[in-house]
Amino acid sequence: MISCIYSCCVIGLDTHEVMVEADIGAGLPAFNIVGLPDTAIKESRERIKAAMKNSGLSFPAKKLTINLAPASIKKEGASFDLPIALSVLSQEGLLDRTDLQDFVFVGELSLDGRLKPVRGVLPMAIGLKKLNKTKFVIPKDNSKEAALVKDVEAYPAATLKEVVDFLNKVTDIKPVESSAEQVFKRNSKHKIDFNDVKGQEHVKRGLEVAAAGGHNVLLIGPPGSGKSMMAKRLPTILSEMTFEEALETSKIHSIAGNLIQGKGLIGTRPFRSPHHTISDAALVGGGTYPTPGEISLAHNGVLFLDELPEFKRNVLEVLRQPLEEGAMTVTRVSGSETYPSKFMLVSAMNPCPCGYFTDPKRECHCTPVQIQRYLSKISGPLLDRIDIHLEVPRLNLDHLTSKRCGEPSSEIRKRVDKARELQRDRYKDAAAHFNSRLESKELEKYCIMDKEGEELLKLAILELGISARAYDKILKVSRTIADLDGKDIIEAHHVSEAISYRSLDRNLWG
């Protein structure tokens, strides 16, 4: 009689049920695993043998065949160690089969029989409800994330022997009890705040505008002016995550293995800051089997690219699709997966190769040609997707020595929330949700200016060298500034402030 143990795997963000079947036949001792396993699964044979021996369980010296069904789905990772071991024990008659079919098992085995955590437990637990399974046996270190899902009983186990004794009703394992709402509330507090930043009031204002309208930002300034410090604090003034957003974001981080022995649920908007040596595959996701990259890990949060011109050109160009569509499709030989990638792009750069072109205290030794070549590393299509350019000057001595704290993030966030609420009401029947997502055909309908504002914008285009491509950006940013001001009509001072956020279009370094 063939034994069957239920397990599951995650492909993209979807959970698929996998039946681990074991059969013992006549012939010389062998251990074969079929059903499109990857290398990690094929290597489980040695781990399982050692784990069973060191747990006081005998491994059969027979011809053993393991099938991972359905065979049409490619399986990867070591999470099938536990169900494979249990299927062998069940086939040998060493497990009580009374309610065995009610459970789903995942877990990696160490050589001494301990259960090690695996990736993707949160989306697995969420997917079990759709598979009409409610009992989930998992490694102890994965218990926090599995316990977040209502109506799923998560049984944490430390060793293979503990699981066997539990199934044979020798010992008892209590399901983990946890309140997802309480965990979310506990984890939704930031450890940093905007009141840590001294001075730079106009930069803070620009970031407030960016947060209110969902605009992408480019910070330009000399080294040590506080660009990275302020970028890290941008998530603290964005609207607080909803529970649904937290769950969706945590699923992606669970697949990437970031929730193991962690909080179990991400309660604050993620801030991802990859190094400029990152490859395009690491940024968008990849591997033999498509997995999330930095772009998807920044979903519902901020992707910060420091030293923007130092990133490889092909790496920056892959940002164009997710910035437009809010999703990233990763295609590999093994398949194609789409991960959500709605994030704010915040980038920082020096004004020249040495960094001191705009610094009043340090002399710049770069030639105009070197400066132009440095700035040209950022392509026009990518620059088109950045609405706000902020100049970040070096702080003077008075600001550095000042003991006065700035405005806290909580106060700034109140204004941001109010502006975003106006946008949600305005665009409830439109495709866009925020000002940054407005299409060109929608600008005329939603970005209505008074006569003074129209004249100022025309003057900017004619006299200040504002490019045509910047026109739409100025309108969108003006709309956000008016929302922060609580005005339906865009006024001249709103347009003026928006124009001041287009440094590169005004050719200040040209």
Protein backbone atom coordinates (compact mmCIF):
# COMPACT_ATOMS: atom_id res chain seq x y z
CA MET A 1 0.00 0.00 0.00
CA ILE A 2 1.33 3.43 -0.95
CA SER A 3 1.59 6.03 1.83
CA CYS A 4 0.73 9.68 1.19
CA ILE A 5 1.77 12.77 3.17
CA TYR A 6 0.49 16.23 2.30
CA SER A 7 2.87 19.16 1.84
CA CYS A 8 2.86 22.38 -0.18
CA CYS A 9 5.10 24.75 -2.08
CA VAL A 10 5.01 28.38 -3.19
CA ILE A 11 5.36 29.37 -6.84
CA GLY A 12 5.35 33.13 -7.23
CA LEU A 13 2.87 34.18 -4.55
CA ASP A 14 0.56 31.18 -5.01
CA THR A 15 0.46 28.06 -2.83
CA HIS A 16 0.24 24.63 -4.46
CA GLU A 17 -0.62 21.38 -2.72
CA VAL A 18 1.99 18.62 -3.09
CA MET A 19 1.33 14.97 -2.23
CA VAL A 20 4.46 13.10 -1.12
CA GLU A 21 3.89 9.44 -2.03
CA ALA A 22 6.15 6.61 -0.90
CA ASP A 23 6.34 3.08 -2.24
CA ILE A 24 8.58 0.21 -1.14
CA GLY A 25 9.17 -2.41 -3.82
CA ALA A 26 11.26 -5.51 -4.43
CA GLY A 27 14.88 -5.16 -5.49
CA LEU A 28 18.21 -3.88 -4.27
CA PRO A 29 18.22 -1.05 -1.70
CA ALA A 30 17.69 2.31 -3.43
CA PHE A 31 16.21 5.71 -2.70
CA ASN A 32 14.73 7.50 -5.73
CA ILE A 33 12.84 10.80 -5.75
CA VAL A 34 10.75 11.72 -8.80
CA GLY A 35 8.28 14.50 -9.63
CA LEU A 36 10.50 17.33 -10.93
CA PRO A 37 12.65 17.82 -7.79
CA ASP A 38 15.57 20.27 -7.80
CA THR A 39 19.07 19.53 -6.52
CA ALA A 40 18.24 20.45 -2.91
CA ILE A 41 15.41 17.89 -2.88
CA LYS A 42 17.55 15.18 -4.45
CA GLU A 43 20.17 15.77 -1.75
CA SER A 44 17.52 15.26 0.94
CA ARG A 45 18.14 11.50 0.72
CA GLU A 46 21.35 11.81 2.75
CA ARG A 47 19.87 14.30 5.21
CA ILE A 48 16.83 12.11 5.84
CA LYS A 49 18.87 8.95 6.37
CA ALA A 50 21.15 10.67 8.92
CA ALA A 51 18.24 12.45 10.64
CA MET A 52 16.26 9.23 11.07
CA LYS A 53 19.29 7.33 12.36
CA ASN A 54 20.19 10.05 14.88
CA SER A 55 16.54 10.27 16.00
CA GLY A 56 16.46 6.58 16.92
CA LEU A 57 14.40 5.64 13.86
CA SER A 58 15.45 2.94 11.41
CA PHE A 59 15.69 3.64 7.69
CA PRO A 60 14.52 0.71 5.53
CA ALA A 61 17.22 -1.06 3.48
CA LYS A 62 14.80 -1.55 0.59
CA LYS A 63 13.99 -0.16 -2.84
CA LEU A 64 12.20 3.08 -2.01
CA THR A 65 10.49 5.42 -4.50
CA ILE A 66 9.24 8.88 -3.53
CA ASN A 67 6.89 10.76 -5.86
CA LEU A 68 6.12 14.47 -5.49
CA ALA A 69 2.73 14.93 -7.13
CA PRO A 70 1.64 16.65 -9.25
CA ALA A 71 4.72 15.96 -11.34
CA SER A 72 3.97 18.91 -13.65
CA ILE A 73 5.01 21.45 -10.97
CA LYS A 74 8.71 22.06 -10.41
CA LYS A 75 9.66 21.76 -6.75
CA GLU A 76 12.59 23.45 -5.06
CA GLY A 77 14.15 23.83 -1.64
CA ALA A 78 14.62 21.67 1.42
CA SER A 79 11.10 22.14 2.82
CA PHE A 80 10.12 18.63 1.64
CA ASP A 81 12.61 16.89 3.99
CA LEU A 82 10.04 16.42 6.75
CA PRO A 83 7.13 15.14 4.61
CA ILE A 84 9.47 12.75 2.72
CA ALA A 85 10.79 11.33 6.01
CA LEU A 86 7.24 10.93 7.32
CA SER A 87 6.09 9.20 4.15
CA VAL A 88 8.91 6.65 4.58
CA LEU A 89 7.96 6.07 8.21
CA SER A 90 4.28 5.78 7.28
CA GLN A 91 5.07 3.20 4.61
CA GLU A 92 7.01 1.20 7.20
CA GLY A 93 3.97 1.26 9.51
CA LEU A 94 5.68 3.44 12.13
CA LEU A 95 3.05 6.20 12.08
CA ASP A 96 -0.56 6.25 13.24
CA ARG A 97 -2.54 6.94 10.06
CA THR A 98 -5.83 7.76 11.83
CA ASP A 99 -5.86 11.50 11.08
CA LEU A 100 -2.63 11.80 9.12
CA GLN A 101 -4.40 13.15 6.03
CA ASP A 102 -5.64 16.18 7.98
CA PHE A 103 -2.12 17.62 8.32
CA VAL A 104 0.21 19.48 5.99
CA PHE A 105 3.96 19.25 6.71
CA VAL A 106 6.97 21.38 5.74
CA GLY A 107 10.45 21.56 7.22
CA GLU A 108 14.14 21.07 6.53
CA LEU A 109 15.98 18.36 8.49
CA SER A 110 19.45 18.71 9.94
CA LEU A 111 21.60 15.61 10.32
CA ASP A 112 20.77 15.28 14.03
CA GLY A 113 17.01 15.36 13.37
CA ARG A 114 16.34 18.98 14.26
CA LEU A 115 13.86 20.94 12.15
CA LYS A 116 15.29 24.03 10.49
CA PRO A 117 13.15 26.95 9.28
CA VAL A 118 12.13 27.28 5.63
CA ARG A 119 11.11 30.17 3.41
CA GLY A 120 7.56 31.01 2.37
CA VAL A 121 5.64 29.69 5.38
CA LEU A 122 3.32 32.73 5.55
CA PRO A 123 1.99 32.44 1.96
CA MET A 124 1.79 28.66 2.50
CA ALA A 125 -0.40 29.13 5.57
CA ILE A 126 -2.61 31.64 3.73
CA GLY A 127 -2.93 29.25 0.79
CA LEU A 128 -3.91 26.30 3.00
CA LYS A 129 -7.34 27.84 3.59
CA LYS A 130 -7.99 27.69 -0.16
CA LEU A 131 -6.88 24.05 -0.15
CA ASN A 132 -9.35 23.23 2.66
CA LYS A 133 -6.53 22.28 5.03
CA THR A 134 -6.34 23.71 8.53
CA LYS A 135 -3.58 21.79 10.38
CA PHE A 136 -0.04 22.87 9.58
CA VAL A 137 3.08 21.27 11.12
CA ILE A 138 6.07 23.57 10.76
CA PRO A 139 9.54 24.17 12.26
CA LYS A 140 9.45 26.04 15.54
CA ASP A 141 11.31 29.05 14.12
CA ASN A 142 8.54 29.57 11.56
CA SER A 143 5.77 29.59 14.15
CA LYS A 144 5.39 33.39 14.39
CA GLU A 145 4.49 33.89 10.76
CA ALA A 146 2.30 30.77 10.45
CA ALA A 147 0.28 31.72 13.54
CA LEU A 148 -0.84 34.98 11.93
CA VAL A 149 -3.35 33.24 9.66
CA LYS A 150 -6.81 32.81 11.12
CA ASP A 151 -8.49 29.39 10.97
CA VAL A 152 -5.14 27.61 10.45
CA GLU A 153 -3.72 25.62 13.36
CA ALA A 154 0.06 25.96 13.33
CA TYR A 155 1.86 23.15 15.24
CA PRO A 156 5.50 24.11 15.95
CA ALA A 157 7.96 21.22 16.18
CA ALA A 158 11.64 21.22 17.08
CA THR A 159 12.69 17.74 15.89
CA LEU A 160 11.63 14.88 13.65
CA LYS A 161 11.19 12.64 16.71
CA GLU A 162 8.81 15.18 18.25
CA VAL A 163 6.64 15.13 15.10
CA VAL A 164 6.58 11.30 15.06
CA ASP A 165 5.60 11.14 18.74
CA PHE A 166 2.92 13.77 18.16
CA LEU A 167 1.37 11.84 15.26
CA ASN A 168 1.52 8.62 17.30
CA LYS A 169 -0.17 10.47 20.20
CA VAL A 170 2.76 9.83 22.53
CA THR A 171 3.26 13.54 23.15
CA ASP A 172 1.12 16.60 22.47
CA ILE A 173 1.98 19.78 20.55
CA LYS A 174 -0.25 22.76 21.17
CA PRO A 175 -1.04 25.05 18.20
CA VAL A 176 0.56 28.46 18.40
CA GLU A 177 -1.87 31.16 19.42
CA SER A 178 -1.29 34.69 18.17
CA SER A 179 -3.36 37.76 17.39
CA ALA A 180 -2.38 39.12 14.00
CA GLU A 181 -3.86 42.51 14.87
CA GLN A 182 -1.80 42.77 18.06
CA VAL A 183 1.39 41.70 16.27
CA PHE A 184 0.70 44.25 13.54
CA LYS A 185 0.12 47.00 16.10
CA ARG A 186 3.28 46.06 18.01
CA ASN A 187 5.43 46.04 14.86
CA SER A 188 4.04 49.24 13.33
CA LYS A 189 6.29 51.60 15.30
CA HIS A 190 9.31 53.33 13.76
CA LYS A 191 12.64 53.57 15.56
CA ILE A 192 13.67 56.76 13.76
CA ASP A 193 11.96 60.12 13.32
CA PHE A 194 12.23 63.25 11.21
CA ASN A 195 12.85 65.36 14.31
CA ASP A 196 16.37 63.84 14.33
CA VAL A 197 17.18 65.94 11.25
CA LYS A 198 18.57 69.42 11.93
CA GLY A 199 17.91 72.16 9.41
CA GLN A 200 17.19 71.28 5.76
CA GLU A 201 13.63 72.58 6.09
CA HIS A 202 13.10 72.99 2.35
CA VAL A 203 14.26 69.38 1.76
CA LYS A 204 11.85 68.11 4.42
CA ARG A 205 9.09 70.07 2.73
CA GLY A 206 9.98 68.51 -0.62
CA LEU A 207 9.87 65.01 0.90
CA GLU A 208 6.50 65.84 2.47
CA VAL A 209 5.18 66.79 -0.97
CA ALA A 210 6.63 63.57 -2.41
CA ALA A 211 4.98 61.47 0.31
CA ALA A 212 1.63 63.19 -0.15
CA GLY A 213 1.47 62.57 -3.90
CA GLY A 214 3.51 59.37 -4.20
CA HIS A 215 6.16 61.17 -6.26
CA ASN A 216 9.62 59.78 -6.95
CA VAL A 217 12.50 61.92 -5.63
CA LEU A 218 16.10 62.70 -6.56
CA LEU A 219 18.29 64.23 -3.83
CA ILE A 220 21.34 66.17 -5.09
CA GLY A 221 24.03 67.45 -2.78
CA PRO A 222 27.61 67.12 -1.53
CA PRO A 223 28.77 64.23 0.69
CA GLY A 224 27.68 64.53 4.32
CA SER A 225 24.73 66.84 3.68
CA GLY A 226 22.19 64.33 5.09
CA LYS A 227 20.69 62.82 1.92
CA SER A 228 20.71 59.22 3.20
CA MET A 229 19.55 60.24 6.68
CA MET A 230 16.44 61.96 5.34
CA ALA A 231 15.70 59.22 2.81
CA LYS A 232 15.66 56.62 5.61
CA ARG A 233 13.06 58.67 7.44
CA LEU A 234 10.71 59.03 4.49
CA PRO A 235 8.70 55.86 5.42
CA THR A 236 7.92 57.47 8.79
CA ILE A 237 5.81 60.18 7.13
CA LEU A 238 4.03 57.91 4.64
CA SER A 239 0.54 56.78 5.56
CA GLU A 240 0.61 53.88 8.01
CA MET A 241 0.27 50.46 6.43
CA THR A 242 -3.10 48.80 6.48
CA PHE A 243 -3.26 45.22 7.73
CA GLU A 244 -3.87 43.99 4.17
CA GLU A 245 -0.78 45.85 2.92
CA ALA A 246 1.28 44.42 5.79
CA LEU A 247 0.15 40.89 4.97
CA GLU A 248 0.90 41.31 1.25
CA THR A 249 4.34 42.77 1.98
CA SER A 250 5.12 40.08 4.56
CA LYS A 251 4.27 37.34 2.03
CA ILE A 252 6.98 38.62 -0.31
CA HIS A 253 9.53 38.87 2.51
CA SER A 254 8.60 35.38 3.70
CA ILE A 255 9.37 33.95 0.26
CA ALA A 256 12.73 35.72 0.38
CA GLY A 257 13.42 34.24 3.84
CA ASN A 258 13.41 37.60 5.65
CA LEU A 259 10.78 36.63 8.24
CA ILE A 260 12.63 33.61 9.67
CA GLN A 261 13.19 34.17 13.40
CA GLY A 262 11.91 37.70 12.86
CA LYS A 263 8.81 39.63 13.83
CA GLY A 264 6.45 37.40 11.89
CA LEU A 265 4.71 40.38 10.29
CA ILE A 266 6.12 43.55 8.77
CA GLY A 267 4.22 46.46 10.30
CA THR A 268 6.15 49.42 8.86
CA ARG A 269 6.68 50.33 5.25
CA PRO A 270 9.86 48.64 3.98
CA PHE A 271 12.97 50.64 3.17
CA ARG A 272 15.35 48.87 0.80
CA SER A 273 18.76 50.33 0.02
CA PRO A 274 20.78 48.08 -2.32
CA HIS A 275 24.46 48.85 -2.98
CA HIS A 276 25.36 50.35 -6.34
CA THR A 277 27.24 47.15 -7.30
CA ILE A 278 23.96 45.19 -7.39
CA SER A 279 23.17 43.23 -10.55
CA ASP A 280 19.98 43.62 -12.55
CA ALA A 281 18.92 40.06 -11.57
CA ALA A 282 19.29 40.86 -7.84
CA LEU A 283 17.30 44.06 -8.29
CA VAL A 284 14.36 42.61 -10.23
CA GLY A 285 14.54 39.05 -8.89
CA GLY A 286 15.69 35.81 -10.42
CA GLY A 287 17.65 32.66 -9.82
CA THR A 288 17.00 29.25 -11.32
CA TYR A 289 13.47 29.58 -9.98
CA PRO A 290 12.06 33.16 -10.04
CA THR A 291 12.27 34.78 -6.60
CA PRO A 292 11.59 38.37 -5.48
CA GLY A 293 14.32 40.99 -5.90
CA GLU A 294 14.90 44.33 -4.18
CA ILE A 295 12.19 45.96 -6.29
CA SER A 296 9.51 43.60 -4.97
CA LEU A 297 10.90 43.65 -1.42
CA ALA A 298 10.30 47.43 -1.49
CA HIS A 299 6.60 46.88 -2.33
CA ASN A 300 4.38 49.33 -0.38
CA GLY A 301 7.51 51.13 0.77
CA VAL A 302 10.62 52.95 -0.43
CA LEU A 303 13.44 51.86 -2.74
CA PHE A 304 16.50 54.04 -2.06
CA LEU A 305 19.33 54.14 -4.60
CA ASP A 306 22.31 55.99 -3.16
CA GLU A 307 25.04 57.21 -5.54
CA LEU A 308 22.61 56.85 -8.46
CA PRO A 309 25.11 57.48 -11.30
CA GLU A 310 27.33 54.67 -9.97
CA PHE A 311 24.67 52.04 -10.74
CA LYS A 312 25.15 50.18 -13.99
CA ARG A 313 23.08 51.51 -16.86
CA ASN A 314 21.28 48.19 -17.48
CA VAL A 315 20.37 48.00 -13.76
CA LEU A 316 18.72 51.42 -13.81
CA GLU A 317 16.84 50.71 -17.01
CA VAL A 318 14.99 47.71 -15.50
CA LEU A 319 13.28 50.14 -13.11
CA ARG A 320 11.18 51.57 -15.89
CA GLN A 321 8.59 48.76 -16.06
CA PRO A 322 7.79 48.53 -12.33
CA LEU A 323 7.70 52.32 -11.98
CA GLU A 324 5.05 52.44 -14.70
CA GLU A 325 3.06 49.27 -13.99
CA GLY A 326 3.55 48.65 -10.26
CA ALA A 327 4.54 45.03 -10.94
CA MET A 328 7.66 43.13 -11.95
CA THR A 329 7.59 40.07 -14.21
CA VAL A 330 10.58 37.77 -13.72
CA THR A 331 11.15 35.31 -16.56
CA ARG A 332 13.58 32.40 -16.34
CA VAL A 333 13.96 29.04 -18.07
CA SER A 334 11.95 27.38 -15.28
CA GLY A 335 9.03 29.75 -15.64
CA SER A 336 7.69 33.28 -15.36
CA GLU A 337 6.33 34.94 -12.21
CA THR A 338 4.89 38.38 -11.54
CA TYR A 339 5.50 40.07 -8.20
CA PRO A 340 3.83 43.32 -7.03
CA SER A 341 6.26 46.25 -7.01
CA LYS A 342 4.49 49.44 -5.98
CA PHE A 343 7.12 51.59 -4.34
CA MET A 344 8.41 55.14 -4.12
CA LEU A 345 11.81 55.58 -5.75
CA VAL A 346 14.16 57.82 -3.79
CA SER A 347 17.63 58.31 -5.22
CA ALA A 348 20.63 60.39 -4.19
CA MET A 349 23.65 61.65 -6.05
CA ASN A 350 26.50 64.12 -5.86
CA PRO A 351 26.38 67.17 -8.17
CA CYS A 352 29.69 66.15 -9.79
CA PRO A 353 32.24 63.29 -9.68
CA CYS A 354 34.15 64.77 -6.72
CA GLY A 355 30.91 65.81 -5.01
CA TYR A 356 31.77 69.42 -4.18
CA PHE A 357 30.46 71.44 -7.15
CA THR A 358 27.74 73.13 -5.05
CA ASP A 359 29.68 73.11 -1.77
CA PRO A 360 30.66 76.63 -0.61
CA LYS A 361 33.36 75.25 1.70
CA ARG A 362 35.15 72.83 -0.64
CA GLU A 363 36.61 73.54 -4.05
CA CYS A 364 35.46 71.43 -7.00
CA HIS A 365 38.17 70.26 -9.42
CA CYS A 366 35.83 68.76 -12.03
CA THR A 367 35.69 70.17 -15.55
CA PRO A 368 32.33 71.04 -17.18
CA VAL A 369 32.75 68.05 -19.50
CA GLN A 370 33.29 65.70 -16.54
CA ILE A 371 30.22 67.08 -14.78
CA GLN A 372 28.07 66.70 -17.89
CA ARG A 373 29.32 63.16 -18.47
CA TYR A 374 28.57 62.31 -14.83
CA LEU A 375 25.00 63.63 -15.03
CA SER A 376 24.38 61.92 -18.38
CA LYS A 377 24.78 58.51 -16.72
CA ILE A 378 21.13 58.90 -15.71
CA SER A 379 19.06 58.23 -18.81
CA GLY A 380 16.29 60.56 -19.95
CA PRO A 381 13.55 57.88 -19.70
CA LEU A 382 14.47 57.20 -16.06
CA LEU A 383 14.70 60.90 -15.25
CA ASP A 384 11.23 61.30 -16.78
CA ARG A 385 9.88 59.10 -14.00
CA ILE A 386 11.34 61.25 -11.21
CA ASP A 387 8.99 64.13 -10.38
CA ILE A 388 10.96 66.00 -7.73
CA HIS A 389 14.63 67.07 -7.72
CA LEU A 390 15.80 68.43 -4.35
CA GLU A 391 19.05 70.27 -3.76
CA VAL A 392 20.55 69.30 -0.40
CA PRO A 393 23.21 71.85 0.69
CA ARG A 394 25.82 71.31 3.36
CA LEU A 395 24.59 72.27 6.85
CA ASN A 396 26.11 75.40 8.38
CA LEU A 397 27.57 75.56 11.88
CA ASP A 398 24.44 77.11 13.43
CA HIS A 399 22.27 74.17 12.34
CA LEU A 400 24.84 71.58 13.38
CA THR A 401 25.22 72.98 16.90
CA SER A 402 21.54 73.75 17.38
CA LYS A 403 19.76 71.73 20.08
CA ARG A 404 16.33 72.48 18.70
CA CYS A 405 14.48 69.43 17.42
CA GLY A 406 12.65 69.50 14.13
CA GLU A 407 9.01 68.70 13.50
CA PRO A 408 8.19 65.06 14.40
CA SER A 409 7.17 62.56 11.73
CA SER A 410 3.73 62.12 13.29
CA GLU A 411 2.79 65.76 12.61
CA ILE A 412 4.04 65.64 9.02
CA ARG A 413 2.17 62.35 8.47
CA LYS A 414 -1.12 63.97 9.51
CA ARG A 415 -0.81 66.45 6.65
CA VAL A 416 0.22 63.68 4.25
CA ASP A 417 -2.78 61.55 5.27
CA LYS A 418 -5.15 64.48 4.75
CA ALA A 419 -3.78 65.13 1.24
CA ARG A 420 -3.96 61.47 0.29
CA GLU A 421 -7.55 61.27 1.49
CA LEU A 422 -8.43 64.15 -0.85
CA GLN A 423 -6.81 62.26 -3.73
CA ARG A 424 -8.63 59.01 -2.95
CA ASP A 425 -11.95 60.85 -3.02
CA ARG A 426 -11.08 62.73 -6.20
CA TYR A 427 -9.88 59.66 -8.12
CA LYS A 428 -12.41 57.13 -6.86
CA ASP A 429 -13.73 56.71 -10.41
CA ALA A 430 -10.34 57.06 -12.13
CA ALA A 431 -7.50 54.63 -12.78
CA ALA A 432 -5.06 56.70 -10.72
CA HIS A 433 -5.04 56.67 -6.92
CA PHE A 434 -2.44 59.40 -6.34
CA ASN A 435 -1.33 62.50 -8.23
CA SER A 436 1.88 60.86 -9.40
CA ARG A 437 -0.14 58.24 -11.30
CA LEU A 438 -2.17 60.72 -13.36
CA GLU A 439 -2.08 60.14 -17.11
CA SER A 440 -1.50 63.04 -19.52
CA LYS A 441 -5.15 63.02 -20.64
CA GLU A 442 -6.30 63.35 -16.99
CA LEU A 443 -4.16 66.39 -16.19
CA GLU A 444 -6.50 68.83 -17.92
CA LYS A 445 -9.45 67.49 -15.91
CA TYR A 446 -7.88 67.37 -12.46
CA CYS A 447 -5.08 69.99 -12.56
CA ILE A 448 -7.02 73.24 -13.01
CA MET A 449 -4.93 76.39 -12.45
CA ASP A 450 -5.90 79.99 -11.88
CA LYS A 451 -4.84 82.61 -14.44
CA GLU A 452 -1.72 83.67 -12.48
CA GLY A 453 -0.60 80.05 -12.22
CA GLU A 454 -0.99 79.51 -15.96
CA GLU A 455 1.02 82.65 -16.73
CA LEU A 456 3.78 81.63 -14.34
CA LEU A 457 4.08 78.18 -15.91
CA LYS A 458 4.25 79.67 -19.41
CA LEU A 459 6.97 82.05 -18.26
CA ALA A 460 8.93 79.18 -16.73
CA ILE A 461 8.87 77.25 -20.00
CA LEU A 462 9.95 80.29 -22.03
CA GLU A 463 12.45 81.99 -19.74
CA LEU A 464 13.87 79.36 -17.36
CA GLY A 465 14.50 76.61 -19.87
CA ILE A 466 11.95 74.21 -18.35
CA SER A 467 11.74 71.31 -20.78
CA ALA A 468 8.50 70.09 -22.32
CA ARG A 469 8.84 66.72 -20.61
CA ALA A 470 8.86 68.52 -17.23
CA TYR A 471 5.52 70.20 -17.91
CA ASP A 472 3.41 67.22 -16.80
CA LYS A 473 5.61 66.69 -13.75
CA ILE A 474 5.17 70.28 -12.62
CA LEU A 475 1.40 69.98 -12.98
CA LYS A 476 1.29 66.80 -10.89
CA VAL A 477 3.51 68.21 -8.15
CA SER A 478 1.51 71.48 -8.17
CA ARG A 479 -1.66 69.44 -7.69
CA THR A 480 -0.12 67.76 -4.64
CA ILE A 481 1.04 71.05 -3.14
CA ALA A 482 -2.48 72.43 -3.58
CA ASP A 483 -3.87 69.32 -1.86
CA LEU A 484 -1.56 69.90 1.10
CA ASP A 485 -2.89 73.46 1.15
CA GLY A 486 -6.49 72.20 0.96
CA LYS A 487 -7.20 74.05 -2.30
CA ASP A 488 -9.21 72.77 -5.27
CA ILE A 489 -7.64 75.25 -7.70
CA ILE A 490 -3.88 75.30 -8.26
CA GLU A 491 -2.57 78.77 -7.48
CA ALA A 492 0.55 80.62 -8.62
CA HIS A 493 2.54 79.94 -5.44
CA HIS A 494 1.80 76.21 -5.80
CA VAL A 495 3.24 76.29 -9.33
CA SER A 496 6.23 78.32 -8.16
CA GLU A 497 7.09 75.77 -5.49
CA ALA A 498 6.72 72.90 -7.98
CA ILE A 499 9.09 74.64 -10.42
CA SER A 500 11.69 74.94 -7.67
CA TYR A 501 11.70 71.14 -7.43
CA ARG A 502 12.99 70.71 -11.02
CA SER A 503 16.71 71.48 -10.60
CA LEU A 504 18.00 69.33 -13.44
CA ASP A 505 15.47 70.76 -15.89
CA ARG A 506 16.69 74.26 -15.09
CA ASN A 507 20.21 73.19 -16.15
CA LEU A 508 21.84 74.36 -12.92
CA TRP A 509 24.86 72.21 -13.72
CA GLY A 510 24.86 72.75 -17.45
